[in-house]
N, C-alpha and C. Protein backbone atom coordinates (compact mmCIF):
# COMPACT_ATOMS: atom_id res chain seq x y z
N MET A 1 -74.03 -21.97 8.69
CA MET A 1 -74.75 -21.43 9.82
C MET A 1 -73.85 -21.30 11.05
N ALA A 2 -72.88 -22.18 11.20
CA ALA A 2 -72.03 -22.16 12.39
C ALA A 2 -71.20 -20.87 12.46
N LEU A 3 -70.82 -20.34 11.32
CA LEU A 3 -70.03 -19.12 11.31
C LEU A 3 -70.87 -17.90 11.62
N SER A 4 -72.14 -17.92 11.26
CA SER A 4 -72.96 -16.72 11.43
C SER A 4 -73.22 -16.38 12.90
N LYS A 5 -73.33 -17.38 13.77
CA LYS A 5 -73.60 -17.08 15.18
C LYS A 5 -72.43 -16.33 15.83
N PRO A 6 -71.17 -16.76 15.66
CA PRO A 6 -70.07 -15.98 16.24
C PRO A 6 -69.99 -14.56 15.66
N ILE A 7 -70.26 -14.43 14.38
CA ILE A 7 -70.23 -13.10 13.77
C ILE A 7 -71.34 -12.23 14.35
N MET A 8 -72.53 -12.80 14.47
CA MET A 8 -73.64 -12.04 15.03
C MET A 8 -73.38 -11.67 16.50
N ASN A 9 -72.74 -12.57 17.24
CA ASN A 9 -72.39 -12.27 18.63
C ASN A 9 -71.38 -11.12 18.70
N LEU A 10 -70.41 -11.12 17.78
CA LEU A 10 -69.42 -10.06 17.72
C LEU A 10 -70.09 -8.72 17.37
N VAL A 11 -70.96 -8.73 16.39
CA VAL A 11 -71.68 -7.52 15.99
C VAL A 11 -72.54 -7.02 17.16
N ALA A 12 -73.23 -7.93 17.82
CA ALA A 12 -74.08 -7.54 18.96
C ALA A 12 -73.23 -6.94 20.08
N ALA A 13 -72.09 -7.56 20.37
CA ALA A 13 -71.20 -7.03 21.41
C ALA A 13 -70.68 -5.65 21.02
N TYR A 14 -70.32 -5.49 19.77
CA TYR A 14 -69.83 -4.20 19.29
C TYR A 14 -70.92 -3.13 19.44
N LEU A 15 -72.13 -3.43 18.97
CA LEU A 15 -73.22 -2.47 19.05
C LEU A 15 -73.57 -2.13 20.50
N GLN A 16 -73.51 -3.12 21.37
CA GLN A 16 -73.78 -2.88 22.79
C GLN A 16 -72.73 -1.92 23.36
N ASN A 17 -71.46 -2.18 23.05
CA ASN A 17 -70.40 -1.28 23.53
C ASN A 17 -70.51 0.10 22.90
N LEU A 18 -70.92 0.14 21.64
CA LEU A 18 -71.12 1.42 20.97
C LEU A 18 -72.21 2.22 21.67
N TYR A 19 -73.25 1.55 22.12
CA TYR A 19 -74.34 2.22 22.82
C TYR A 19 -73.93 2.63 24.24
N LEU A 20 -73.26 1.73 24.96
CA LEU A 20 -72.90 1.99 26.35
C LEU A 20 -71.68 2.90 26.50
N HIS A 21 -70.70 2.74 25.61
CA HIS A 21 -69.43 3.47 25.69
C HIS A 21 -69.08 4.00 24.30
N PRO A 22 -69.84 4.95 23.77
CA PRO A 22 -69.66 5.34 22.37
C PRO A 22 -68.27 5.90 22.04
N ILE A 23 -67.76 6.78 22.85
CA ILE A 23 -66.47 7.41 22.52
C ILE A 23 -65.33 6.40 22.63
N LYS A 24 -65.33 5.64 23.70
CA LYS A 24 -64.28 4.62 23.89
C LYS A 24 -64.31 3.59 22.74
N THR A 25 -65.50 3.14 22.38
CA THR A 25 -65.63 2.15 21.30
C THR A 25 -65.18 2.73 19.97
N LYS A 26 -65.59 3.95 19.68
CA LYS A 26 -65.19 4.60 18.43
C LYS A 26 -63.68 4.86 18.40
N ALA A 27 -63.10 5.22 19.54
CA ALA A 27 -61.67 5.46 19.61
C ALA A 27 -60.87 4.18 19.36
N ILE A 28 -61.30 3.10 19.99
CA ILE A 28 -60.60 1.82 19.79
C ILE A 28 -60.74 1.35 18.35
N THR A 29 -61.94 1.49 17.80
CA THR A 29 -62.17 1.10 16.40
C THR A 29 -61.28 1.91 15.48
N SER A 30 -61.21 3.21 15.71
CA SER A 30 -60.38 4.09 14.89
C SER A 30 -58.90 3.73 15.02
N CYS A 31 -58.48 3.37 16.22
CA CYS A 31 -57.10 2.95 16.46
C CYS A 31 -56.77 1.70 15.64
N VAL A 32 -57.65 0.71 15.70
CA VAL A 32 -57.42 -0.54 14.98
C VAL A 32 -57.42 -0.31 13.47
N VAL A 33 -58.39 0.46 12.98
CA VAL A 33 -58.49 0.70 11.54
C VAL A 33 -57.30 1.52 11.04
N GLY A 34 -56.91 2.56 11.77
CA GLY A 34 -55.76 3.37 11.37
C GLY A 34 -54.47 2.58 11.35
N SER A 35 -54.25 1.77 12.37
CA SER A 35 -53.05 0.92 12.42
C SER A 35 -53.05 -0.08 11.27
N ALA A 36 -54.20 -0.69 11.03
CA ALA A 36 -54.31 -1.66 9.93
C ALA A 36 -54.07 -0.99 8.59
N GLY A 37 -54.57 0.23 8.41
CA GLY A 37 -54.33 0.96 7.16
C GLY A 37 -52.86 1.26 6.95
N SER A 38 -52.16 1.62 8.01
CA SER A 38 -50.73 1.88 7.92
C SER A 38 -49.96 0.60 7.59
N ILE A 39 -50.33 -0.49 8.24
CA ILE A 39 -49.68 -1.78 7.95
C ILE A 39 -49.93 -2.17 6.50
N ALA A 40 -51.18 -2.08 6.07
CA ALA A 40 -51.52 -2.45 4.69
C ALA A 40 -50.77 -1.60 3.69
N SER A 41 -50.65 -0.32 3.96
CA SER A 41 -49.92 0.58 3.06
C SER A 41 -48.46 0.14 2.92
N GLN A 42 -47.85 -0.21 4.03
CA GLN A 42 -46.45 -0.65 3.98
C GLN A 42 -46.31 -1.98 3.25
N LEU A 43 -47.24 -2.88 3.48
CA LEU A 43 -47.18 -4.19 2.83
C LEU A 43 -47.41 -4.06 1.32
N VAL A 44 -48.38 -3.23 0.93
CA VAL A 44 -48.66 -3.03 -0.49
C VAL A 44 -47.45 -2.40 -1.19
N ALA A 45 -46.74 -1.52 -0.48
CA ALA A 45 -45.55 -0.89 -1.05
C ALA A 45 -44.35 -1.84 -1.07
N GLY A 46 -44.50 -3.03 -0.49
CA GLY A 46 -43.42 -4.01 -0.47
C GLY A 46 -42.33 -3.67 0.52
N GLN A 47 -42.66 -2.89 1.51
CA GLN A 47 -41.67 -2.50 2.50
C GLN A 47 -41.75 -3.40 3.72
N SER A 48 -40.64 -3.43 4.45
CA SER A 48 -40.70 -4.09 5.75
C SER A 48 -41.46 -3.15 6.69
N LEU A 49 -42.14 -3.72 7.66
CA LEU A 49 -42.98 -2.91 8.53
C LEU A 49 -42.15 -2.01 9.44
N LYS A 50 -42.52 -0.73 9.46
CA LYS A 50 -41.91 0.24 10.35
C LYS A 50 -42.92 0.56 11.44
N LEU A 51 -42.46 0.54 12.66
CA LEU A 51 -43.35 0.69 13.80
C LEU A 51 -43.86 2.12 13.99
N ASP A 52 -43.02 3.14 13.70
CA ASP A 52 -43.43 4.53 13.94
C ASP A 52 -44.73 4.91 13.24
N PRO A 53 -44.87 4.66 11.94
CA PRO A 53 -46.14 5.03 11.30
C PRO A 53 -47.34 4.25 11.84
N ILE A 54 -47.13 2.97 12.14
CA ILE A 54 -48.23 2.16 12.67
C ILE A 54 -48.69 2.72 14.01
N LEU A 55 -47.73 3.02 14.88
CA LEU A 55 -48.06 3.58 16.19
C LEU A 55 -48.69 4.97 16.06
N SER A 56 -48.19 5.77 15.12
CA SER A 56 -48.75 7.12 15.00
C SER A 56 -50.19 7.07 14.52
N PHE A 57 -50.50 6.21 13.54
CA PHE A 57 -51.88 6.09 13.08
C PHE A 57 -52.77 5.50 14.17
N GLY A 58 -52.26 4.54 14.92
CA GLY A 58 -53.03 3.96 16.01
C GLY A 58 -53.29 4.95 17.13
N LEU A 59 -52.25 5.66 17.52
CA LEU A 59 -52.40 6.66 18.59
C LEU A 59 -53.32 7.79 18.16
N TYR A 60 -53.19 8.21 16.91
CA TYR A 60 -54.07 9.26 16.39
C TYR A 60 -55.53 8.78 16.46
N GLY A 61 -55.77 7.57 16.01
CA GLY A 61 -57.13 7.04 16.05
C GLY A 61 -57.67 6.95 17.46
N LEU A 62 -56.82 6.48 18.37
CA LEU A 62 -57.24 6.34 19.76
C LEU A 62 -57.53 7.70 20.41
N ALA A 63 -56.67 8.66 20.17
CA ALA A 63 -56.81 9.97 20.82
C ALA A 63 -57.84 10.87 20.13
N PHE A 64 -57.88 10.83 18.78
CA PHE A 64 -58.69 11.81 18.07
C PHE A 64 -59.65 11.22 17.04
N GLY A 65 -59.30 10.11 16.44
CA GLY A 65 -60.06 9.56 15.31
C GLY A 65 -61.46 9.08 15.66
N GLY A 66 -61.71 8.79 16.91
CA GLY A 66 -63.05 8.40 17.32
C GLY A 66 -63.80 9.53 17.98
N SER A 67 -63.10 10.30 18.81
CA SER A 67 -63.77 11.34 19.60
C SER A 67 -64.15 12.57 18.77
N ILE A 68 -63.25 13.09 17.98
CA ILE A 68 -63.57 14.31 17.21
C ILE A 68 -64.73 14.06 16.26
N PRO A 69 -64.71 13.00 15.44
CA PRO A 69 -65.88 12.78 14.58
C PRO A 69 -67.16 12.51 15.36
N HIS A 70 -67.06 11.84 16.50
CA HIS A 70 -68.25 11.59 17.33
C HIS A 70 -68.93 12.90 17.68
N TYR A 71 -68.15 13.82 18.23
CA TYR A 71 -68.72 15.11 18.62
C TYR A 71 -69.11 15.94 17.40
N PHE A 72 -68.36 15.83 16.32
CA PHE A 72 -68.70 16.59 15.11
C PHE A 72 -70.05 16.16 14.55
N TYR A 73 -70.28 14.85 14.43
CA TYR A 73 -71.56 14.39 13.89
C TYR A 73 -72.73 14.74 14.80
N GLU A 74 -72.51 14.72 16.11
CA GLU A 74 -73.56 15.17 17.04
C GLU A 74 -73.86 16.66 16.82
N PHE A 75 -72.81 17.46 16.68
CA PHE A 75 -72.95 18.89 16.44
C PHE A 75 -73.69 19.14 15.12
N LEU A 76 -73.34 18.40 14.10
CA LEU A 76 -73.96 18.54 12.79
C LEU A 76 -75.46 18.26 12.86
N GLU A 77 -75.85 17.25 13.63
CA GLU A 77 -77.27 16.92 13.77
C GLU A 77 -78.02 18.03 14.51
N ARG A 78 -77.37 18.65 15.49
CA ARG A 78 -78.02 19.76 16.21
C ARG A 78 -78.06 21.03 15.36
N LEU A 79 -77.03 21.24 14.55
CA LEU A 79 -76.95 22.44 13.71
C LEU A 79 -77.97 22.41 12.58
N PHE A 80 -78.14 21.24 11.97
CA PHE A 80 -79.06 21.10 10.83
C PHE A 80 -80.02 19.94 11.08
N PRO A 81 -80.96 20.09 12.01
CA PRO A 81 -81.85 18.97 12.34
C PRO A 81 -82.83 18.66 11.21
N GLU A 82 -83.07 17.37 11.02
CA GLU A 82 -84.03 16.90 10.02
C GLU A 82 -85.41 17.44 10.37
N GLY A 83 -86.16 17.87 9.36
CA GLY A 83 -87.52 18.33 9.55
C GLY A 83 -87.65 19.74 10.11
N VAL A 84 -86.52 20.36 10.46
CA VAL A 84 -86.55 21.71 11.01
C VAL A 84 -85.97 22.71 10.02
N VAL A 85 -84.83 22.35 9.42
CA VAL A 85 -84.20 23.24 8.45
C VAL A 85 -84.43 22.68 7.04
N ALA A 86 -84.44 23.58 6.08
CA ALA A 86 -84.58 23.16 4.68
C ALA A 86 -83.28 22.56 4.19
N PHE A 87 -83.38 21.51 3.43
CA PHE A 87 -82.24 20.83 2.81
C PHE A 87 -81.14 20.47 3.82
N PRO A 88 -81.48 19.76 4.88
CA PRO A 88 -80.48 19.46 5.91
C PRO A 88 -79.30 18.63 5.39
N LEU A 89 -79.56 17.67 4.50
CA LEU A 89 -78.46 16.86 3.98
C LEU A 89 -77.46 17.73 3.23
N ALA A 90 -77.94 18.60 2.38
CA ALA A 90 -77.05 19.47 1.61
C ALA A 90 -76.25 20.37 2.54
N LYS A 91 -76.91 20.92 3.55
CA LYS A 91 -76.22 21.81 4.48
C LYS A 91 -75.18 21.06 5.31
N LYS A 92 -75.52 19.86 5.75
CA LYS A 92 -74.55 19.05 6.50
C LYS A 92 -73.34 18.73 5.64
N LEU A 93 -73.61 18.33 4.39
CA LEU A 93 -72.52 17.97 3.48
C LEU A 93 -71.63 19.16 3.19
N ILE A 94 -72.21 20.29 2.88
CA ILE A 94 -71.41 21.49 2.57
C ILE A 94 -70.59 21.90 3.79
N PHE A 95 -71.21 21.89 4.97
CA PHE A 95 -70.48 22.24 6.19
C PHE A 95 -69.32 21.28 6.43
N GLU A 96 -69.58 19.98 6.27
CA GLU A 96 -68.54 18.98 6.49
C GLU A 96 -67.40 19.13 5.47
N ARG A 97 -67.74 19.31 4.21
CA ARG A 97 -66.74 19.37 3.15
C ARG A 97 -65.94 20.66 3.17
N ILE A 98 -66.58 21.80 3.47
CA ILE A 98 -65.90 23.09 3.36
C ILE A 98 -65.26 23.55 4.67
N ILE A 99 -65.86 23.19 5.80
CA ILE A 99 -65.33 23.65 7.09
C ILE A 99 -64.55 22.54 7.81
N PHE A 100 -65.22 21.42 8.05
CA PHE A 100 -64.62 20.37 8.87
C PHE A 100 -63.48 19.65 8.16
N ALA A 101 -63.67 19.21 6.93
CA ALA A 101 -62.64 18.42 6.22
C ALA A 101 -61.30 19.17 6.11
N PRO A 102 -61.28 20.44 5.70
CA PRO A 102 -59.98 21.12 5.62
C PRO A 102 -59.27 21.24 6.97
N ILE A 103 -60.04 21.54 8.02
CA ILE A 103 -59.43 21.66 9.35
C ILE A 103 -58.93 20.30 9.82
N MET A 104 -59.74 19.28 9.64
CA MET A 104 -59.38 17.93 10.10
C MET A 104 -58.17 17.38 9.33
N GLN A 105 -58.08 17.67 8.04
CA GLN A 105 -56.93 17.19 7.27
C GLN A 105 -55.64 17.84 7.77
N ALA A 106 -55.68 19.16 8.01
CA ALA A 106 -54.49 19.84 8.53
C ALA A 106 -54.11 19.28 9.89
N PHE A 107 -55.09 19.14 10.75
CA PHE A 107 -54.85 18.60 12.09
C PHE A 107 -54.27 17.18 12.01
N SER A 108 -54.85 16.36 11.16
CA SER A 108 -54.40 14.96 11.01
C SER A 108 -52.96 14.89 10.53
N LEU A 109 -52.65 15.61 9.46
CA LEU A 109 -51.29 15.57 8.92
C LEU A 109 -50.26 16.04 9.94
N TYR A 110 -50.56 17.13 10.60
CA TYR A 110 -49.63 17.66 11.61
C TYR A 110 -49.47 16.68 12.77
N THR A 111 -50.59 16.21 13.31
CA THR A 111 -50.56 15.34 14.48
C THR A 111 -49.88 14.01 14.18
N LEU A 112 -50.17 13.43 13.01
CA LEU A 112 -49.51 12.17 12.64
C LEU A 112 -47.99 12.35 12.58
N SER A 113 -47.54 13.47 12.03
CA SER A 113 -46.10 13.74 11.97
C SER A 113 -45.50 13.87 13.36
N ARG A 114 -46.22 14.55 14.23
CA ARG A 114 -45.71 14.70 15.60
C ARG A 114 -45.68 13.36 16.32
N PHE A 115 -46.71 12.54 16.11
CA PHE A 115 -46.73 11.22 16.74
C PHE A 115 -45.63 10.32 16.19
N GLU A 116 -45.17 10.58 14.98
CA GLU A 116 -44.05 9.82 14.42
C GLU A 116 -42.70 10.28 14.98
N GLY A 117 -42.72 11.34 15.76
CA GLY A 117 -41.49 11.81 16.39
C GLY A 117 -40.87 13.02 15.72
N LYS A 118 -41.52 13.57 14.71
CA LYS A 118 -40.98 14.76 14.05
C LYS A 118 -41.18 15.98 14.96
N ASN A 119 -40.25 16.92 14.87
CA ASN A 119 -40.40 18.15 15.65
C ASN A 119 -41.42 19.06 14.97
N HIS A 120 -41.74 20.17 15.61
CA HIS A 120 -42.76 21.08 15.12
C HIS A 120 -42.44 21.58 13.70
N LYS A 121 -41.20 21.98 13.49
CA LYS A 121 -40.80 22.52 12.19
C LYS A 121 -40.92 21.47 11.08
N ALA A 122 -40.48 20.26 11.36
CA ALA A 122 -40.57 19.18 10.36
C ALA A 122 -42.02 18.79 10.10
N ALA A 123 -42.84 18.80 11.15
CA ALA A 123 -44.26 18.46 10.99
C ALA A 123 -44.96 19.52 10.14
N LEU A 124 -44.66 20.79 10.38
CA LEU A 124 -45.24 21.86 9.56
C LEU A 124 -44.77 21.77 8.12
N LYS A 125 -43.51 21.45 7.92
CA LYS A 125 -42.98 21.32 6.56
C LYS A 125 -43.72 20.22 5.79
N GLN A 126 -43.92 19.08 6.46
CA GLN A 126 -44.65 17.99 5.81
C GLN A 126 -46.11 18.37 5.59
N LEU A 127 -46.70 19.06 6.54
CA LEU A 127 -48.09 19.53 6.40
C LEU A 127 -48.21 20.41 5.16
N PHE A 128 -47.33 21.39 5.01
CA PHE A 128 -47.41 22.30 3.87
C PHE A 128 -47.13 21.58 2.55
N ALA A 129 -46.28 20.58 2.59
CA ALA A 129 -45.97 19.83 1.36
C ALA A 129 -47.13 18.95 0.91
N LEU A 130 -47.90 18.43 1.85
CA LEU A 130 -48.95 17.46 1.52
C LEU A 130 -50.37 18.01 1.54
N TYR A 131 -50.60 19.10 2.24
CA TYR A 131 -51.96 19.53 2.56
C TYR A 131 -52.88 19.64 1.35
N PHE A 132 -52.52 20.40 0.35
CA PHE A 132 -53.44 20.64 -0.76
C PHE A 132 -53.67 19.39 -1.60
N LYS A 133 -52.64 18.56 -1.75
CA LYS A 133 -52.82 17.28 -2.47
C LYS A 133 -53.79 16.37 -1.72
N VAL A 134 -53.61 16.30 -0.43
CA VAL A 134 -54.45 15.43 0.41
C VAL A 134 -55.88 15.97 0.49
N LEU A 135 -56.02 17.28 0.66
CA LEU A 135 -57.36 17.87 0.73
C LEU A 135 -58.10 17.70 -0.60
N GLU A 136 -57.41 17.91 -1.71
CA GLU A 136 -58.04 17.71 -3.01
C GLU A 136 -58.50 16.26 -3.18
N ALA A 137 -57.65 15.32 -2.79
CA ALA A 137 -58.02 13.91 -2.87
C ALA A 137 -59.20 13.61 -1.94
N ASN A 138 -59.21 14.21 -0.76
CA ASN A 138 -60.31 14.03 0.17
C ASN A 138 -61.62 14.49 -0.46
N TRP A 139 -61.62 15.68 -1.02
CA TRP A 139 -62.83 16.20 -1.65
C TRP A 139 -63.24 15.34 -2.84
N LYS A 140 -62.27 14.89 -3.60
CA LYS A 140 -62.55 14.11 -4.81
C LYS A 140 -63.08 12.71 -4.48
N TRP A 141 -62.45 12.02 -3.54
CA TRP A 141 -62.75 10.61 -3.30
C TRP A 141 -63.69 10.35 -2.12
N LEU A 142 -63.72 11.23 -1.14
CA LEU A 142 -64.51 10.94 0.05
C LEU A 142 -65.88 11.63 0.07
N THR A 143 -66.12 12.53 -0.86
CA THR A 143 -67.42 13.22 -0.88
C THR A 143 -68.57 12.25 -1.07
N LEU A 144 -68.45 11.31 -1.99
CA LEU A 144 -69.52 10.33 -2.20
C LEU A 144 -69.77 9.52 -0.93
N PHE A 145 -68.71 9.13 -0.24
CA PHE A 145 -68.88 8.37 1.00
C PHE A 145 -69.54 9.23 2.09
N GLN A 146 -69.24 10.52 2.11
CA GLN A 146 -69.90 11.39 3.09
C GLN A 146 -71.38 11.56 2.76
N ILE A 147 -71.72 11.62 1.46
CA ILE A 147 -73.13 11.68 1.09
C ILE A 147 -73.85 10.44 1.59
N ILE A 148 -73.27 9.28 1.33
CA ILE A 148 -73.86 8.01 1.80
C ILE A 148 -73.97 8.03 3.32
N ASN A 149 -72.90 8.45 3.98
CA ASN A 149 -72.86 8.48 5.43
C ASN A 149 -73.97 9.37 6.01
N LEU A 150 -74.08 10.57 5.50
CA LEU A 150 -75.05 11.52 6.04
C LEU A 150 -76.49 11.21 5.63
N ALA A 151 -76.66 10.58 4.47
CA ALA A 151 -78.02 10.30 3.98
C ALA A 151 -78.59 8.98 4.49
N PHE A 152 -77.74 7.96 4.64
CA PHE A 152 -78.27 6.61 4.87
C PHE A 152 -77.80 5.94 6.16
N ILE A 153 -76.73 6.39 6.74
CA ILE A 153 -76.17 5.72 7.92
C ILE A 153 -76.74 6.36 9.18
N PRO A 154 -77.24 5.56 10.12
CA PRO A 154 -77.74 6.14 11.38
C PRO A 154 -76.62 6.89 12.10
N PRO A 155 -76.94 8.00 12.76
CA PRO A 155 -75.90 8.81 13.42
C PRO A 155 -74.96 8.02 14.32
N MET A 156 -75.48 7.03 15.03
CA MET A 156 -74.64 6.24 15.94
C MET A 156 -73.54 5.46 15.19
N LEU A 157 -73.78 5.14 13.92
CA LEU A 157 -72.84 4.33 13.14
C LEU A 157 -72.00 5.14 12.16
N ARG A 158 -72.15 6.45 12.14
CA ARG A 158 -71.43 7.27 11.15
C ARG A 158 -69.91 7.22 11.31
N VAL A 159 -69.45 7.25 12.54
CA VAL A 159 -68.00 7.19 12.75
C VAL A 159 -67.48 5.82 12.31
N LEU A 160 -68.20 4.76 12.63
CA LEU A 160 -67.81 3.42 12.19
C LEU A 160 -67.74 3.34 10.68
N PHE A 161 -68.77 3.84 10.00
CA PHE A 161 -68.78 3.82 8.54
C PHE A 161 -67.57 4.55 7.98
N MET A 162 -67.31 5.75 8.50
CA MET A 162 -66.16 6.51 7.99
C MET A 162 -64.84 5.88 8.42
N ASN A 163 -64.82 5.17 9.54
CA ASN A 163 -63.61 4.42 9.90
C ASN A 163 -63.33 3.32 8.89
N LEU A 164 -64.38 2.64 8.45
CA LEU A 164 -64.20 1.58 7.45
C LEU A 164 -63.73 2.18 6.13
N VAL A 165 -64.32 3.30 5.73
CA VAL A 165 -63.82 4.03 4.56
C VAL A 165 -62.40 4.50 4.85
N GLY A 166 -62.18 4.89 6.09
CA GLY A 166 -60.89 5.40 6.52
C GLY A 166 -59.75 4.40 6.42
N PHE A 167 -60.07 3.13 6.34
CA PHE A 167 -59.01 2.14 6.14
C PHE A 167 -58.28 2.46 4.84
N GLY A 168 -59.02 2.66 3.78
CA GLY A 168 -58.42 3.05 2.50
C GLY A 168 -57.77 4.42 2.58
N TRP A 169 -58.42 5.33 3.31
CA TRP A 169 -57.87 6.67 3.46
C TRP A 169 -56.56 6.63 4.25
N ALA A 170 -56.49 5.81 5.28
CA ALA A 170 -55.25 5.67 6.05
C ALA A 170 -54.14 5.12 5.17
N MET A 171 -54.49 4.19 4.29
CA MET A 171 -53.49 3.68 3.35
C MET A 171 -53.01 4.81 2.44
N PHE A 172 -53.93 5.63 1.95
CA PHE A 172 -53.57 6.75 1.08
C PHE A 172 -52.67 7.74 1.82
N LEU A 173 -53.07 8.14 3.04
CA LEU A 173 -52.26 9.09 3.81
C LEU A 173 -50.88 8.52 4.13
N ALA A 174 -50.85 7.27 4.53
CA ALA A 174 -49.56 6.65 4.85
C ALA A 174 -48.66 6.62 3.62
N THR A 175 -49.24 6.35 2.47
CA THR A 175 -48.47 6.32 1.23
C THR A 175 -47.94 7.72 0.90
N LYS A 176 -48.77 8.73 0.99
CA LYS A 176 -48.34 10.11 0.71
C LYS A 176 -47.26 10.56 1.68
N LYS A 177 -47.42 10.25 2.96
CA LYS A 177 -46.43 10.63 3.95
C LYS A 177 -45.10 9.90 3.68
N ARG A 178 -45.17 8.62 3.31
CA ARG A 178 -43.96 7.86 3.01
C ARG A 178 -43.27 8.42 1.77
N GLU A 179 -44.04 8.74 0.73
CA GLU A 179 -43.46 9.32 -0.48
C GLU A 179 -42.78 10.65 -0.18
N GLN A 180 -43.42 11.48 0.66
CA GLN A 180 -42.84 12.77 1.02
C GLN A 180 -41.54 12.56 1.79
N SER A 181 -41.51 11.61 2.70
CA SER A 181 -40.29 11.33 3.46
C SER A 181 -39.18 10.81 2.55
N GLN A 182 -39.55 9.99 1.58
CA GLN A 182 -38.55 9.45 0.65
C GLN A 182 -37.98 10.57 -0.22
N LYS A 183 -38.83 11.52 -0.64
CA LYS A 183 -38.34 12.67 -1.42
C LYS A 183 -37.37 13.48 -0.59
N LYS A 184 -37.72 13.69 0.68
CA LYS A 184 -36.85 14.45 1.58
C LYS A 184 -35.53 13.74 1.78
N ASP A 185 -35.58 12.41 1.98
CA ASP A 185 -34.35 11.64 2.18
C ASP A 185 -33.47 11.65 0.92
N ALA A 186 -34.11 11.63 -0.26
CA ALA A 186 -33.35 11.64 -1.52
C ALA A 186 -32.62 12.96 -1.71
N LYS A 187 -33.21 14.06 -1.21
CA LYS A 187 -32.57 15.37 -1.34
C LYS A 187 -31.38 15.50 -0.40
N ASN A 188 -31.44 14.79 0.74
CA ASN A 188 -30.36 14.92 1.75
C ASN A 188 -29.23 14.03 1.45
């Protein structure tokens, strides 16, 4: 019982901040989760920690990982409101999977590369090398989580839910980006 009170206090504080400062709270959460995913990816690969990928995932989460999904999920609720349009869950899912996910994956891959210090040409090269593999994996592995998110998670908590799923996704992206860099280094 002693452990549950501090945990409940932490959850209550988080939910209060989520209600009072939704974008800031989601951005900080995304920053922490993205950085942790990058760290975990490096540790699982048995590598020594490199600061550039950790900072790039953290900065991406802080700048975009909380705010863009926040506004997207609000837009989705207005576009396909429950009880007004037929099959709102299906429409939200199709819109998210076919329109938002491809754009967000391209933006993420490019921005992460730029945050790591790559120039425009190198970031585009990495984007083109990884995009279709990453998008296919996104559609294959994250669709079920998006169904759960859109069907069962309250709108206020959707970004948090996808951030928690995103921990694994950040590990996947970090691994793919590292593999691509290693292939490039092996060629040079």
